[in-house]
Amino acid sequence: MGKIDWYILKKFLVTFFFCMVLFMVVAVAVDSSEKTDDFVKTGLSTGQIIKQYYFGFVPYIWGLLFPLFVFIAVIFFTSKMATRSEIIAILASGTSYNRMLRPYLVGGLLLGTALWFGSRYLIPRANGLRSAFQANYIDKNDPTKNRQDNTCFNCFYQRVDSNTYIGMKNYDTASRSANKFFMEQVKDNKIVYNLRANVIKWDPEKNRWKLIDVVERKVDSMGESIKQFKELGLRIRLKPEELRKDEYLKDRLTTPELESYIREEQLRGREGLSALQVERYRRTATSFAVVLLALLGVIIASRKTRGGSGMHLAIGIIVAVLFIVSDRFSTVFATKSNFPPLLAAWLPNIVFSAVAWYMYRRTPK
């Protein structure tokens, strides 16, 4: 790392952090203006709202737009260097174009590593604060997020082990109870055990479920036997905290917790895990995107053009929009169809790696 390398790296990091702080101020101002009525209804003080919501909101915004901050920062200061003929001077000094890319690569790797660590551990913790506040104070007053199905509210059907399936209807998270429950055990594609109850409740003292008005059926080679119980204790691999429809779950779990949760749900035979799998793969793919967009930014902005910085920024914004659109499309295809989650997370990087290579080959060196 020579003087020119440190000069470029310093400009890279300073411009990046300036973009983050500037956008943070704008994002907080816009969000607070939209949620003013909701904040008033909470009855919390300004300090409490900042601690319980904005301490989670700011890292969430940073993690969401981190690669774009890097991209815009690189385009902005590199375009200024190109306009002042600094890029021409560097190349004229005998420095190769690939050698000039070294500080950009170092800066991209530093920021990509920071994002990789943050997206795995720190940002999910911050999202826990934001999502808890959102669910407790904002979503409960939003009629679009509290619509109830007239036929079945909070119904669950899932596999708890390799041959046992359970279902319950109208589960209440406050009382930890439901008014309908059944459990079936299957062997050789045949039901060998059936358990039904009118009420199921969680018994915290005995750390198990308690069934009321129970009918038990066993089927074997001798025929069918039926027993009835007023009450019956039941131990299964299912805890009350697992019976929640949490739309913020994938955002607030650290990567090890998310991977463990996906494995457990796959063992239970749960479907519709594509969104969780895409999130797991995206946390690594986004870190790689930081390095990719840093190099793509310097390739776009290092050429001196008649339009100057304005032209470079316009091209950069177009590329950023296309990157976001491709990312959204791949996510929708993964969650709504059979598109592989791993490919969905990495597809924008694959496409724009090809774009970056094409533009690199055409860049004057």
Foldseek 3Di string as FASTA:
>chain_A
DDPLLVVLLVLLVVLLVVLLVVVLVVVVVVVCVVCVVLVVVVVDDPVVCCVLAVLLVSLVVCLVCVLVSSLLSLLQVLLVCLQVVVLVVCVVVVQDPVNSCVSLLVSLLVSLVVLLVCQQPPNLQSLVSNLVCCVPGPLVPDCVNPDADPVFGLKDWWAQADFKIKIFTPQDLVQRKGQWIKMFGDDPNHTFKIKIARMWGQDVVVRWIKGAFMWIWGQDPVGIDIDTDRMDTDHTNDDSVVSDDRPCVLSNHRLVRLVVVVVSRVRGVDPQCLLSLLSNLLSNLVSVSSSLSSLLSSLQSNHHDPVGSVVSSVVSVVLVVVLVVLLVVLSCCRRVHVRHSNCSSNVSVVVSVVVSVVSNVVRDD
